[in-house]
Amino acid sequence: MKGILKILVILLQFSFSSIKNSKPEIFVFISEDVFQLSDGRLIVSGQIKSGNINKNERLIVKVDNSDKLVIIQQMEVFGKPNGTETGVKGDFVAFTISDIAKDKIGKGTVFLKKI
C-alpha cells in the first residue's frame, strides 16, 4: 500500500510541475477571407495557427506599417456548437471587427493577441 501511495504522490508532483512550468502559446491567426457587412464591419475567417482566442479579446494587426488594435465583437468556431466562445489551435473561426477598411486586410493577414 505504501508503494502505491508513493507512486501516486510522484505522479501528482510530476503532473503539477509540468503544468506550472508550461508557458501559454502565443496566439497567431492567419486570415483566409474577408467580407464586409452593410454596416461596415468586417468578417474575417481563417485558422488559428497557435494559441487560443475568446470573444471580446483584443488583437493586433499590421496596417500601413503600423499596429492596429481591433476587438473581436462576434465569433463563430466552425464545427463546434453555436455559442462556443473560445477557439484553439487548429480551429477554423470567423469573427467580426470594425474600425478598419476592407482594403487594408486580406488573405494572409496575420493577427496576434494583444498581451
PDB file of N, CA and C in Angstrom:
ATOM      1  N   MET A   1       0.821  -1.195   0.000  1.00  0.00           N
ATOM      2  CA  MET A   1       0.000   0.000   0.000  1.00  0.00           C
ATOM      3  C   MET A   1       0.864   1.257   0.000  1.00  0.00           C
ATOM      4  N   LYS A   2       1.947   1.257   0.811  1.00  0.00           N
ATOM      5  CA  LYS A   2       2.823   2.432   0.861  1.00  0.00           C
ATOM      6  C   LYS A   2       3.471   2.678  -0.490  1.00  0.00           C
ATOM      7  N   GLY A   3       3.807   1.617  -1.207  1.00  0.00           N
ATOM      8  CA  GLY A   3       4.422   1.748  -2.531  1.00  0.00           C
ATOM      9  C   GLY A   3       3.483   2.410  -3.520  1.00  0.00           C
ATOM     10  N   ILE A   4       2.215   2.053  -3.472  1.00  0.00           N
ATOM     11  CA  ILE A   4       1.220   2.634  -4.377  1.00  0.00           C
ATOM     12  C   ILE A   4       1.039   4.120  -4.074  1.00  0.00           C
ATOM     13  N   LEU A   5       0.960   4.468  -2.790  1.00  0.00           N
ATOM     14  CA  LEU A   5       0.817   5.870  -2.403  1.00  0.00           C
ATOM     15  C   LEU A   5       2.033   6.686  -2.829  1.00  0.00           C
ATOM     16  N   LYS A   6       3.223   6.102  -2.678  1.00  0.00           N
ATOM     17  CA  LYS A   6       4.441   6.801  -3.068  1.00  0.00           C
ATOM     18  C   LYS A   6       4.439   7.066  -4.576  1.00  0.00           C
ATOM     19  N   ILE A   7       4.046   6.082  -5.369  1.00  0.00           N
ATOM     20  CA  ILE A   7       3.982   6.256  -6.823  1.00  0.00           C
ATOM     21  C   ILE A   7       2.938   7.316  -7.181  1.00  0.00           C
ATOM     22  N   LEU A   8       1.799   7.288  -6.506  1.00  0.00           N
ATOM     23  CA  LEU A   8       0.749   8.274  -6.761  1.00  0.00           C
ATOM     24  C   LEU A   8       1.238   9.689  -6.456  1.00  0.00           C
ATOM     25  N   VAL A   9       1.939   9.859  -5.344  1.00  0.00           N
ATOM     26  CA  VAL A   9       2.484  11.175  -4.987  1.00  0.00           C
ATOM     27  C   VAL A   9       3.485  11.646  -6.039  1.00  0.00           C
ATOM     28  N   ILE A  10       4.345  10.761  -6.502  1.00  0.00           N
ATOM     29  CA  ILE A  10       5.340  11.117  -7.530  1.00  0.00           C
ATOM     30  C   ILE A  10       4.636  11.532  -8.817  1.00  0.00           C
ATOM     31  N   LEU A  11       3.618  10.779  -9.232  1.00  0.00           N
ATOM     32  CA  LEU A  11       2.881  11.113 -10.455  1.00  0.00           C
ATOM     33  C   LEU A  11       2.174  12.461 -10.326  1.00  0.00           C
ATOM     34  N   LEU A  12       1.558  12.725  -9.182  1.00  0.00           N
ATOM     35  CA  LEU A  12       0.888  14.010  -8.975  1.00  0.00           C
ATOM     36  C   LEU A  12       1.879  15.171  -8.992  1.00  0.00           C
ATOM     37  N   GLN A  13       3.027  15.002  -8.366  1.00  0.00           N
ATOM     38  CA  GLN A  13       4.043  16.053  -8.375  1.00  0.00           C
ATOM     39  C   GLN A  13       4.520  16.334  -9.792  1.00  0.00           C
ATOM     40  N   PHE A  14       4.734  15.282 -10.568  1.00  0.00           N
ATOM     41  CA  PHE A  14       5.196  15.453 -11.943  1.00  0.00           C
ATOM     42  C   PHE A  14       4.149  16.185 -12.778  1.00  0.00           C
ATOM     43  N   SER A  15       2.880  15.785 -12.653  1.00  0.00           N
ATOM     44  CA  SER A  15       1.839  16.401 -13.474  1.00  0.00           C
ATOM     45  C   SER A  15       1.644  17.866 -13.105  1.00  0.00           C
ATOM     46  N   PHE A  16       1.690  18.222 -11.828  1.00  0.00           N
ATOM     47  CA  PHE A  16       1.533  19.618 -11.439  1.00  0.00           C
ATOM     48  C   PHE A  16       2.752  20.451 -11.806  1.00  0.00           C
ATOM     49  N   SER A  17       3.941  19.887 -11.732  1.00  0.00           N
ATOM     50  CA  SER A  17       5.138  20.655 -12.084  1.00  0.00           C
ATOM     51  C   SER A  17       5.178  20.945 -13.572  1.00  0.00           C
ATOM     52  N   SER A  18       4.676  20.020 -14.417  1.00  0.00           N
ATOM     53  CA  SER A  18       4.680  20.282 -15.851  1.00  0.00           C
ATOM     54  C   SER A  18       3.663  21.358 -16.206  1.00  0.00           C
ATOM     55  N   ILE A  19       2.534  21.419 -15.497  1.00  0.00           N
ATOM     56  CA  ILE A  19       1.554  22.475 -15.725  1.00  0.00           C
ATOM     57  C   ILE A  19       2.115  23.812 -15.275  1.00  0.00           C
ATOM     58  N   LYS A  20       2.760  23.831 -14.127  1.00  0.00           N
ATOM     59  CA  LYS A  20       3.291  25.067 -13.568  1.00  0.00           C
ATOM     60  C   LYS A  20       4.386  25.651 -14.459  1.00  0.00           C
ATOM     61  N   ASN A  21       5.207  24.817 -15.070  1.00  0.00           N
ATOM     62  CA  ASN A  21       6.327  25.285 -15.861  1.00  0.00           C
ATOM     63  C   ASN A  21       5.975  25.558 -17.315  1.00  0.00           C
ATOM     64  N   SER A  22       4.776  25.175 -17.759  1.00  0.00           N
ATOM     65  CA  SER A  22       4.426  25.392 -19.152  1.00  0.00           C
ATOM     66  C   SER A  22       4.022  26.844 -19.381  1.00  0.00           C
ATOM     67  N   LYS A  23       4.413  27.372 -20.531  1.00  0.00           N
ATOM     68  CA  LYS A  23       4.077  28.748 -20.881  1.00  0.00           C
ATOM     69  C   LYS A  23       2.962  28.709 -21.914  1.00  0.00           C
ATOM     70  N   PRO A  24       2.033  29.679 -21.855  1.00  0.00           N
ATOM     71  CA  PRO A  24       0.970  29.689 -22.854  1.00  0.00           C
ATOM     72  C   PRO A  24       1.530  29.977 -24.243  1.00  0.00           C
ATOM     73  N   GLU A  25       0.919  29.354 -25.229  1.00  0.00           N
ATOM     74  CA  GLU A  25       1.327  29.543 -26.605  1.00  0.00           C
ATOM     75  C   GLU A  25       0.902  30.923 -27.096  1.00  0.00           C
ATOM     76  N   ILE A  26       1.732  31.560 -27.888  1.00  0.00           N
ATOM     77  CA  ILE A  26       1.399  32.856 -28.467  1.00  0.00           C
ATOM     78  C   ILE A  26       0.298  32.649 -29.502  1.00  0.00           C
ATOM     79  N   PHE A  27      -0.705  33.525 -29.499  1.00  0.00           N
ATOM     80  CA  PHE A  27      -1.811  33.424 -30.448  1.00  0.00           C
ATOM     81  C   PHE A  27      -1.390  33.959 -31.808  1.00  0.00           C
ATOM     82  N   VAL A  28      -1.604  33.131 -32.836  1.00  0.00           N
ATOM     83  CA  VAL A  28      -1.357  33.536 -34.220  1.00  0.00           C
ATOM     84  C   VAL A  28      -2.538  33.058 -35.060  1.00  0.00           C
ATOM     85  N   PHE A  29      -3.134  33.978 -35.802  1.00  0.00           N
ATOM     86  CA  PHE A  29      -4.251  33.677 -36.687  1.00  0.00           C
ATOM     87  C   PHE A  29      -3.926  34.249 -38.057  1.00  0.00           C
ATOM     88  N   ILE A  30      -4.137  33.464 -39.105  1.00  0.00           N
ATOM     89  CA  ILE A  30      -3.893  33.931 -40.466  1.00  0.00           C
ATOM     90  C   ILE A  30      -5.209  33.912 -41.221  1.00  0.00           C
ATOM     91  N   SER A  31      -5.580  35.066 -41.771  1.00  0.00           N
ATOM     92  CA  SER A  31      -6.874  35.176 -42.446  1.00  0.00           C
ATOM     93  C   SER A  31      -6.860  34.452 -43.787  1.00  0.00           C
ATOM     94  N   GLU A  32      -8.000  33.865 -44.099  1.00  0.00           N
ATOM     95  CA  GLU A  32      -8.212  33.214 -45.393  1.00  0.00           C
ATOM     96  C   GLU A  32      -9.113  34.060 -46.279  1.00  0.00           C
ATOM     97  N   ASP A  33     -10.090  34.730 -45.657  1.00  0.00           N
ATOM     98  CA  ASP A  33     -11.037  35.534 -46.422  1.00  0.00           C
ATOM     99  C   ASP A  33     -11.570  36.663 -45.554  1.00  0.00           C
ATOM    100  N   VAL A  34     -11.993  37.746 -46.205  1.00  0.00           N
ATOM    101  CA  VAL A  34     -12.546  38.908 -45.511  1.00  0.00           C
ATOM    102  C   VAL A  34     -13.791  39.354 -46.267  1.00  0.00           C
ATOM    103  N   PHE A  35     -14.873  39.565 -45.533  1.00  0.00           N
ATOM    104  CA  PHE A  35     -16.130  40.033 -46.110  1.00  0.00           C
ATOM    105  C   PHE A  35     -16.546  41.308 -45.389  1.00  0.00           C
ATOM    106  N   GLN A  36     -17.185  42.222 -46.107  1.00  0.00           N
ATOM    107  CA  GLN A  36     -17.671  43.444 -45.473  1.00  0.00           C
ATOM    108  C   GLN A  36     -19.186  43.389 -45.352  1.00  0.00           C
ATOM    109  N   LEU A  37     -19.692  43.701 -44.162  1.00  0.00           N
ATOM    110  CA  LEU A  37     -21.123  43.761 -43.918  1.00  0.00           C
ATOM    111  C   LEU A  37     -21.653  45.139 -44.295  1.00  0.00           C
ATOM    112  N   SER A  38     -22.963  45.262 -44.448  1.00  0.00           N
ATOM    113  CA  SER A  38     -23.559  46.540 -44.851  1.00  0.00           C
ATOM    114  C   SER A  38     -23.315  47.653 -43.829  1.00  0.00           C
ATOM    115  N   ASP A  39     -23.090  47.294 -42.564  1.00  0.00           N
ATOM    116  CA  ASP A  39     -22.836  48.316 -41.535  1.00  0.00           C
ATOM    117  C   ASP A  39     -21.358  48.693 -41.432  1.00  0.00           C
ATOM    118  N   GLY A  40     -20.525  48.139 -42.319  1.00  0.00           N
ATOM    119  CA  GLY A  40     -19.106  48.495 -42.342  1.00  0.00           C
ATOM    120  C   GLY A  40     -18.195  47.537 -41.593  1.00  0.00           C
ATOM    121  N   ARG A  41     -18.769  46.706 -40.733  1.00  0.00           N
ATOM    122  CA  ARG A  41     -17.938  45.733 -40.010  1.00  0.00           C
ATOM    123  C   ARG A  41     -17.392  44.707 -40.985  1.00  0.00           C
ATOM    124  N   LEU A  42     -16.285  44.088 -40.599  1.00  0.00           N
ATOM    125  CA  LEU A  42     -15.679  43.051 -41.420  1.00  0.00           C
ATOM    126  C   LEU A  42     -15.830  41.698 -40.746  1.00  0.00           C
ATOM    127  N   ILE A  43     -16.045  40.678 -41.564  1.00  0.00           N
ATOM    128  CA  ILE A  43     -15.982  39.298 -41.097  1.00  0.00           C
ATOM    129  C   ILE A  43     -14.667  38.734 -41.611  1.00  0.00           C
ATOM    130  N   VAL A  44     -13.838  38.280 -40.697  1.00  0.00           N
ATOM    131  CA  VAL A  44     -12.538  37.706 -41.039  1.00  0.00           C
ATOM    132  C   VAL A  44     -12.598  36.223 -40.707  1.00  0.00           C
ATOM    133  N   SER A  45     -12.251  35.377 -41.671  1.00  0.00           N
ATOM    134  CA  SER A  45     -12.256  33.934 -41.412  1.00  0.00           C
ATOM    135  C   SER A  45     -10.878  33.356 -41.693  1.00  0.00           C
ATOM    136  N   GLY A  46     -10.569  32.271 -41.003  1.00  0.00           N
ATOM    137  CA  GLY A  46      -9.284  31.617 -41.180  1.00  0.00           C
ATOM    138  C   GLY A  46      -9.049  30.601 -40.092  1.00  0.00           C
ATOM    139  N   GLN A  47      -7.788  30.206 -39.953  1.00  0.00           N
ATOM    140  CA  GLN A  47      -7.428  29.159 -38.991  1.00  0.00           C
ATOM    141  C   GLN A  47      -6.497  29.702 -37.918  1.00  0.00           C
ATOM    142  N   ILE A  48      -6.730  29.242 -36.694  1.00  0.00           N
ATOM    143  CA  ILE A  48      -5.838  29.574 -35.587  1.00  0.00           C
ATOM    144  C   ILE A  48      -4.611  28.682 -35.714  1.00  0.00           C
ATOM    145  N   LYS A  49      -3.451  29.292 -35.873  1.00  0.00           N
ATOM    146  CA  LYS A  49      -2.206  28.534 -36.045  1.00  0.00           C
ATOM    147  C   LYS A  49      -1.573  28.157 -34.716  1.00  0.00           C
ATOM    148  N   SER A  50      -1.759  28.985 -33.699  1.00  0.00           N
ATOM    149  CA  SER A  50      -1.259  28.651 -32.361  1.00  0.00           C
ATOM    150  C   SER A  50      -2.005  29.473 -31.325  1.00  0.00           C
ATOM    151  N   GLY A  51      -2.022  28.967 -30.111  1.00  0.00           N
ATOM    152  CA  GLY A  51      -2.680  29.668 -29.017  1.00  0.00           C
ATOM    153  C   GLY A  51      -4.190  29.494 -29.039  1.00  0.00           C
ATOM    154  N   ASN A  52      -4.874  30.416 -28.347  1.00  0.00           N
ATOM    155  CA  ASN A  52      -6.332  30.385 -28.303  1.00  0.00           C
ATOM    156  C   ASN A  52      -6.866  31.806 -28.262  1.00  0.00           C
ATOM    157  N   ILE A  53      -8.150  31.934 -28.531  1.00  0.00           N
ATOM    158  CA  ILE A  53      -8.769  33.260 -28.575  1.00  0.00           C
ATOM    159  C   ILE A  53     -10.201  33.164 -28.070  1.00  0.00           C
ATOM    160  N   ASN A  54     -10.669  34.241 -27.469  1.00  0.00           N
ATOM    161  CA  ASN A  54     -12.037  34.322 -26.964  1.00  0.00           C
ATOM    162  C   ASN A  54     -12.734  35.546 -27.555  1.00  0.00           C
ATOM    163  N   LYS A  55     -14.048  35.474 -27.564  1.00  0.00           N
ATOM    164  CA  LYS A  55     -14.841  36.622 -27.969  1.00  0.00           C
ATOM    165  C   LYS A  55     -14.473  37.806 -27.077  1.00  0.00           C
ATOM    166  N   ASN A  56     -14.474  39.001 -27.625  1.00  0.00           N
ATOM    167  CA  ASN A  56     -14.175  40.268 -26.938  1.00  0.00           C
ATOM    168  C   ASN A  56     -12.691  40.490 -26.663  1.00  0.00           C
ATOM    169  N   GLU A  57     -11.824  39.607 -27.148  1.00  0.00           N
ATOM    170  CA  GLU A  57     -10.390  39.836 -26.944  1.00  0.00           C
ATOM    171  C   GLU A  57      -9.868  40.847 -27.948  1.00  0.00           C
ATOM    172  N   ARG A  58      -8.752  41.438 -27.615  1.00  0.00           N
ATOM    173  CA  ARG A  58      -8.093  42.428 -28.469  1.00  0.00           C
ATOM    174  C   ARG A  58      -7.020  41.753 -29.302  1.00  0.00           C
ATOM    175  N   LEU A  59      -6.983  42.119 -30.566  1.00  0.00           N
ATOM    176  CA  LEU A  59      -5.985  41.595 -31.479  1.00  0.00           C
ATOM    177  C   LEU A  59      -5.199  42.739 -32.095  1.00  0.00           C
ATOM    178  N   ILE A  60      -3.984  42.421 -32.508  1.00  0.00           N
ATOM    179  CA  ILE A  60      -3.124  43.378 -33.202  1.00  0.00           C
ATOM    180  C   ILE A  60      -2.999  42.922 -34.650  1.00  0.00           C
ATOM    181  N   VAL A  61      -3.173  43.855 -35.568  1.00  0.00           N
ATOM    182  CA  VAL A  61      -2.980  43.576 -36.987  1.00  0.00           C
ATOM    183  C   VAL A  61      -2.149  44.721 -37.561  1.00  0.00           C
ATOM    184  N   LYS A  62      -1.231  44.389 -38.447  1.00  0.00           N
ATOM    185  CA  LYS A  62      -0.366  45.397 -39.054  1.00  0.00           C
ATOM    186  C   LYS A  62      -1.109  46.022 -40.243  1.00  0.00           C
ATOM    187  N   VAL A  63      -1.306  47.347 -40.186  1.00  0.00           N
ATOM    188  CA  VAL A  63      -1.980  48.094 -41.247  1.00  0.00           C
ATOM    189  C   VAL A  63      -1.127  49.303 -41.587  1.00  0.00           C
ATOM    190  N   ASP A  64      -0.759  49.428 -42.859  1.00  0.00           N
ATOM    191  CA  ASP A  64       0.065  50.559 -43.309  1.00  0.00           C
ATOM    192  C   ASP A  64       1.318  50.730 -42.454  1.00  0.00           C
ATOM    193  N   ASN A  65       2.006  49.637 -42.196  1.00  0.00           N
ATOM    194  CA  ASN A  65       3.255  49.618 -41.424  1.00  0.00           C
ATOM    195  C   ASN A  65       3.110  50.076 -39.982  1.00  0.00           C
ATOM    196  N   SER A  66       1.895  50.024 -39.439  1.00  0.00           N
ATOM    197  CA  SER A  66       1.721  50.316 -38.016  1.00  0.00           C
ATOM    198  C   SER A  66       0.753  49.288 -37.428  1.00  0.00           C
ATOM    199  N   ASP A  67       0.844  49.095 -36.134  1.00  0.00           N
ATOM    200  CA  ASP A  67      -0.021  48.137 -35.453  1.00  0.00           C
ATOM    201  C   ASP A  67      -1.379  48.764 -35.180  1.00  0.00           C
ATOM    202  N   LYS A  68      -2.437  48.039 -35.521  1.00  0.00           N
ATOM    203  CA  LYS A  68      -3.809  48.494 -35.287  1.00  0.00           C
ATOM    204  C   LYS A  68      -4.448  47.532 -34.307  1.00  0.00           C
ATOM    205  N   LEU A  69      -5.103  48.078 -33.308  1.00  0.00           N
ATOM    206  CA  LEU A  69      -5.796  47.279 -32.307  1.00  0.00           C
ATOM    207  C   LEU A  69      -7.247  47.096 -32.742  1.00  0.00           C
ATOM    208  N   VAL A  70      -7.714  45.846 -32.771  1.00  0.00           N
ATOM    209  CA  VAL A  70      -9.112  45.541 -33.083  1.00  0.00           C
ATOM    210  C   VAL A  70      -9.666  44.632 -31.991  1.00  0.00           C
ATOM    211  N   ILE A  71     -10.976  44.685 -31.813  1.00  0.00           N
ATOM    212  CA  ILE A  71     -11.633  43.858 -30.798  1.00  0.00           C
ATOM    213  C   ILE A  71     -12.605  42.914 -31.489  1.00  0.00           C
ATOM    214  N   ILE A  72     -12.550  41.641 -31.110  1.00  0.00           N
ATOM    215  CA  ILE A  72     -13.477  40.654 -31.655  1.00  0.00           C
ATOM    216  C   ILE A  72     -14.854  40.933 -31.070  1.00  0.00           C
ATOM    217  N   GLN A  73     -15.796  41.284 -31.947  1.00  0.00           N
ATOM    218  CA  GLN A  73     -17.143  41.611 -31.485  1.00  0.00           C
ATOM    219  C   GLN A  73     -18.034  40.375 -31.434  1.00  0.00           C
ATOM    220  N   GLN A  74     -17.968  39.558 -32.461  1.00  0.00           N
ATOM    221  CA  GLN A  74     -18.697  38.296 -32.510  1.00  0.00           C
ATOM    222  C   GLN A  74     -17.750  37.256 -33.063  1.00  0.00           C
ATOM    223  N   MET A  75     -17.984  36.003 -32.706  1.00  0.00           N
ATOM    224  CA  MET A  75     -17.083  34.955 -33.174  1.00  0.00           C
ATOM    225  C   MET A  75     -17.844  33.647 -33.332  1.00  0.00           C
ATOM    226  N   GLU A  76     -17.483  32.913 -34.371  1.00  0.00           N
ATOM    227  CA  GLU A  76     -18.028  31.573 -34.580  1.00  0.00           C
ATOM    228  C   GLU A  76     -16.863  30.619 -34.767  1.00  0.00           C
ATOM    229  N   VAL A  77     -16.927  29.495 -34.083  1.00  0.00           N
ATOM    230  CA  VAL A  77     -15.924  28.447 -34.215  1.00  0.00           C
ATOM    231  C   VAL A  77     -16.579  27.326 -35.014  1.00  0.00           C
ATOM    232  N   PHE A  78     -16.092  27.104 -36.235  1.00  0.00           N
ATOM    233  CA  PHE A  78     -16.710  26.121 -37.117  1.00  0.00           C
ATOM    234  C   PHE A  78     -16.545  24.705 -36.577  1.00  0.00           C
ATOM    235  N   GLY A  79     -17.619  23.929 -36.696  1.00  0.00           N
ATOM    236  CA  GLY A  79     -17.587  22.546 -36.242  1.00  0.00           C
ATOM    237  C   GLY A  79     -17.826  22.381 -34.755  1.00  0.00           C
ATOM    238  N   LYS A  80     -18.129  23.479 -34.072  1.00  0.00           N
ATOM    239  CA  LYS A  80     -18.416  23.423 -32.637  1.00  0.00           C
ATOM    240  C   LYS A  80     -19.805  24.013 -32.414  1.00  0.00           C
ATOM    241  N   PRO A  81     -20.434  23.731 -31.282  1.00  0.00           N
ATOM    242  CA  PRO A  81     -21.800  24.219 -31.042  1.00  0.00           C
ATOM    243  C   PRO A  81     -21.895  25.746 -31.107  1.00  0.00           C
ATOM    244  N   ASN A  82     -23.054  26.231 -31.561  1.00  0.00           N
ATOM    245  CA  ASN A  82     -23.301  27.677 -31.547  1.00  0.00           C
ATOM    246  C   ASN A  82     -23.097  28.210 -30.139  1.00  0.00           C
ATOM    247  N   GLY A  83     -22.530  29.374 -30.031  1.00  0.00           N
ATOM    248  CA  GLY A  83     -22.279  29.964 -28.725  1.00  0.00           C
ATOM    249  C   GLY A  83     -20.904  29.649 -28.172  1.00  0.00           C
ATOM    250  N   THR A  84     -20.147  28.778 -28.856  1.00  0.00           N
ATOM    251  CA  THR A  84     -18.781  28.499 -28.412  1.00  0.00           C
ATOM    252  C   THR A  84     -17.985  29.794 -28.509  1.00  0.00           C
ATOM    253  N   GLU A  85     -17.370  30.211 -27.415  1.00  0.00           N
ATOM    254  CA  GLU A  85     -16.692  31.499 -27.387  1.00  0.00           C
ATOM    255  C   GLU A  85     -15.176  31.401 -27.301  1.00  0.00           C
ATOM    256  N   THR A  86     -14.633  30.190 -27.428  1.00  0.00           N
ATOM    257  CA  THR A  86     -13.185  30.013 -27.395  1.00  0.00           C
ATOM    258  C   THR A  86     -12.752  29.175 -28.585  1.00  0.00           C
ATOM    259  N   GLY A  87     -11.770  29.695 -29.312  1.00  0.00           N
ATOM    260  CA  GLY A  87     -11.162  28.944 -30.400  1.00  0.00           C
ATOM    261  C   GLY A  87      -9.747  28.575 -30.005  1.00  0.00           C
ATOM    262  N   VAL A  88      -9.307  27.386 -30.407  1.00  0.00           N
ATOM    263  CA  VAL A  88      -7.973  26.905 -30.054  1.00  0.00           C
ATOM    264  C   VAL A  88      -7.200  26.542 -31.322  1.00  0.00           C
ATOM    265  N   LYS A  89      -5.925  26.289 -31.154  1.00  0.00           N
ATOM    266  CA  LYS A  89      -5.050  25.924 -32.267  1.00  0.00           C
ATOM    267  C   LYS A  89      -5.713  24.875 -33.161  1.00  0.00           C
ATOM    268  N   GLY A  90      -5.725  25.160 -34.451  1.00  0.00           N
ATOM    269  CA  GLY A  90      -6.301  24.234 -35.416  1.00  0.00           C
ATOM    270  C   GLY A  90      -7.744  24.536 -35.783  1.00  0.00           C
ATOM    271  N   ASP A  91      -8.450  25.294 -34.941  1.00  0.00           N
ATOM    272  CA  ASP A  91      -9.845  25.634 -35.223  1.00  0.00           C
ATOM    273  C   ASP A  91      -9.940  26.633 -36.374  1.00  0.00           C
ATOM    274  N   PHE A  92     -10.989  26.467 -37.175  1.00  0.00           N
ATOM    275  CA  PHE A  92     -11.341  27.460 -38.178  1.00  0.00           C
ATOM    276  C   PHE A  92     -12.391  28.355 -37.548  1.00  0.00           C
ATOM    277  N   VAL A  93     -12.154  29.650 -37.571  1.00  0.00           N
ATOM    278  CA  VAL A  93     -13.056  30.601 -36.930  1.00  0.00           C
ATOM    279  C   VAL A  93     -13.364  31.751 -37.878  1.00  0.00           C
ATOM    280  N   ALA A  94     -14.455  32.434 -37.567  1.00  0.00           N
ATOM    281  CA  ALA A  94     -14.787  33.690 -38.232  1.00  0.00           C
ATOM    282  C   ALA A  94     -15.151  34.666 -37.128  1.00  0.00           C
ATOM    283  N   PHE A  95     -14.683  35.892 -37.247  1.00  0.00           N
ATOM    284  CA  PHE A  95     -15.031  36.895 -36.252  1.00  0.00           C
ATOM    285  C   PHE A  95     -15.254  38.239 -36.927  1.00  0.00           C
ATOM    286  N   THR A  96     -16.016  39.091 -36.241  1.00  0.00           N
ATOM    287  CA  THR A  96     -16.277  40.426 -36.771  1.00  0.00           C
ATOM    288  C   THR A  96     -15.406  41.443 -36.046  1.00  0.00           C
ATOM    289  N   ILE A  97     -14.958  42.422 -36.825  1.00  0.00           N
ATOM    290  CA  ILE A  97     -14.179  43.550 -36.297  1.00  0.00           C
ATOM    291  C   ILE A  97     -14.677  44.813 -36.983  1.00  0.00           C
ATOM    292  N   SER A  98     -14.338  45.958 -36.447  1.00  0.00           N
ATOM    293  CA  SER A  98     -14.725  47.224 -37.075  1.00  0.00           C
ATOM    294  C   SER A  98     -13.551  48.193 -36.996  1.00  0.00           C
ATOM    295  N   ASP A  99     -13.779  49.394 -37.501  1.00  0.00           N
ATOM    296  CA  ASP A  99     -12.773  50.464 -37.479  1.00  0.00           C
ATOM    297  C   ASP A  99     -11.542  50.143 -38.317  1.00  0.00           C
ATOM    298  N   ILE A 100     -11.748  49.391 -39.399  1.00  0.00           N
ATOM    299  CA  ILE A 100     -10.651  49.096 -40.312  1.00  0.00           C
ATOM    300  C   ILE A 100     -11.266  48.879 -41.697  1.00  0.00           C
ATOM    301  N   ALA A 101     -10.622  49.411 -42.712  1.00  0.00           N
ATOM    302  CA  ALA A 101     -11.134  49.293 -44.076  1.00  0.00           C
ATOM    303  C   ALA A 101     -10.820  47.920 -44.658  1.00  0.00           C
ATOM    304  N   LYS A 102     -11.738  47.405 -45.479  1.00  0.00           N
ATOM    305  CA  LYS A 102     -11.580  46.079 -46.072  1.00  0.00           C
ATOM    306  C   LYS A 102     -10.324  45.984 -46.930  1.00  0.00           C
ATOM    307  N   ASP A 103      -9.961  47.054 -47.602  1.00  0.00           N
ATOM    308  CA  ASP A 103      -8.786  47.005 -48.481  1.00  0.00           C
ATOM    309  C   ASP A 103      -7.469  46.988 -47.708  1.00  0.00           C
ATOM    310  N   LYS A 104      -7.529  47.125 -46.396  1.00  0.00           N
ATOM    311  CA  LYS A 104      -6.313  47.120 -45.567  1.00  0.00           C
ATOM    312  C   LYS A 104      -5.914  45.722 -45.108  1.00  0.00           C
ATOM    313  N   ILE A 105      -6.852  44.770 -45.172  1.00  0.00           N
ATOM    314  CA  ILE A 105      -6.536  43.397 -44.783  1.00  0.00           C
ATOM    315  C   ILE A 105      -7.080  42.443 -45.840  1.00  0.00           C
ATOM    316  N   GLY A 106      -6.530  41.254 -45.907  1.00  0.00           N
ATOM    317  CA  GLY A 106      -6.972  40.269 -46.889  1.00  0.00           C
ATOM    318  C   GLY A 106      -6.411  38.903 -46.557  1.00  0.00           C
ATOM    319  N   LYS A 107      -6.396  38.034 -47.549  1.00  0.00           N
ATOM    320  CA  LYS A 107      -5.871  36.688 -47.351  1.00  0.00           C
ATOM    321  C   LYS A 107      -4.401  36.773 -46.941  1.00  0.00           C
ATOM    322  N   GLY A 108      -4.059  36.047 -45.875  1.00  0.00           N
ATOM    323  CA  GLY A 108      -2.678  36.023 -45.402  1.00  0.00           C
ATOM    324  C   GLY A 108      -2.354  37.060 -44.341  1.00  0.00           C
ATOM    325  N   THR A 109      -3.327  37.914 -44.003  1.00  0.00           N
ATOM    326  CA  THR A 109      -3.085  38.902 -42.936  1.00  0.00           C
ATOM    327  C   THR A 109      -2.937  38.165 -41.604  1.00  0.00           C
ATOM    328  N   VAL A 110      -1.940  38.549 -40.842  1.00  0.00           N
ATOM    329  CA  VAL A 110      -1.652  37.903 -39.558  1.00  0.00           C
ATOM    330  C   VAL A 110      -2.218  38.740 -38.427  1.00  0.00           C
ATOM    331  N   PHE A 111      -2.951  38.088 -37.546  1.00  0.00           N
ATOM    332  CA  PHE A 111      -3.497  38.707 -36.343  1.00  0.00           C
ATOM    333  C   PHE A 111      -2.799  38.084 -35.146  1.00  0.00           C
ATOM    334  N   LEU A 112      -2.379  38.904 -34.204  1.00  0.00           N
ATOM    335  CA  LEU A 112      -1.727  38.443 -32.971  1.00  0.00           C
ATOM    336  C   LEU A 112      -2.560  38.928 -31.789  1.00  0.00           C
ATOM    337  N   LYS A 113      -2.454  38.230 -30.687  1.00  0.00           N
ATOM    338  CA  LYS A 113      -3.190  38.649 -29.480  1.00  0.00           C
ATOM    339  C   LYS A 113      -2.417  39.741 -28.764  1.00  0.00           C
ATOM    340  N   LYS A 114      -3.149  40.758 -28.331  1.00  0.00           N
ATOM    341  CA  LYS A 114      -2.543  41.812 -27.521  1.00  0.00           C
ATOM    342  C   LYS A 114      -2.211  41.235 -26.165  1.00  0.00           C
ATOM    343  N   ILE A 115      -0.967  41.418 -25.766  1.00  0.00           N
ATOM    344  CA  ILE A 115      -0.501  40.844 -24.487  1.00  0.00           C
ATOM    345  C   ILE A 115      -0.631  41.875 -23.391  1.00  0.00           C
TER     346      ILE A 115
END
